[in-house]
Amino acid sequence: MPIKNIFRSIIGLSALLLVQAPAFAATPPPAMVCESCHGTAGLGTPNLSPMLAGMDKDYLVEQINHFKNGNRKNPLMSAMAMTLATPEAVEQVATFFASLPAPVINDIEKRGDNVIITDPARKLVYQGDWSRNIPACATCHGPSGLGVAHFPRLASQHADYITSQLTAWQSKQRSGDHNNVMATIAQQLTASEIQHLAQYFAAIK
């Protein structure tokens, strides 16, 4: 699809999101274009954009800069990131989305809460697979995938986005993670495991 058609679709979607989303703190000017895809509530849209609400501010700054320097590759997001011409603009965008409330998770599961886990995806989340040097996802991403500092929240994130990012780590379309941790882990996952992990985290509400 031509870029101009993508932008037309974004503008139309933006109008819909503005009607549906609740009002939060005033959007800083640099973040207004971001709302076109990610929504005024920062909850994103399946098959278009990820949820940003409640993400760690420093993580968001880091990811915007990865789009700017090519560590993350996405034609639309790279173009959007380049509109944030100063570190101050990047900081404003990150601070705004970090301040928005993410969906509340009431039933939180921690590593060790259950010793016997039969579901393969849940087993990877809370126990990992050390025969392949895969640590439990919860080790870094926290109980129920709620995120810990630079390790982003996965709970309630759109399944298609999680799938695309794990695949991007595998294909080296995404880089810049600390100590190459995620790229190393993603290389060990099968396509089926990626799909099931994405669905597992997306279903945490």
Foldseek 3Di string as FASTA:
>chain_A
DDPVVVVVVLQVQLVVLVVPDDDDPDQDVLCPSVCSACGNLQCGDAPTDKRLAQKALVLQLQVLVCLCVQLADDVVSVVSSVVQPDSVSSSSNSVSRNNRDDDDFDDWAAQPPDDDDDPPLVCQQRQNDVVLPRGHVCVACNILSCRDRNGTRLALIHLVVQLVVLVCLCVSNHDDDPPSVSSSNSVSDDSVSSNVNSVSRNPRD
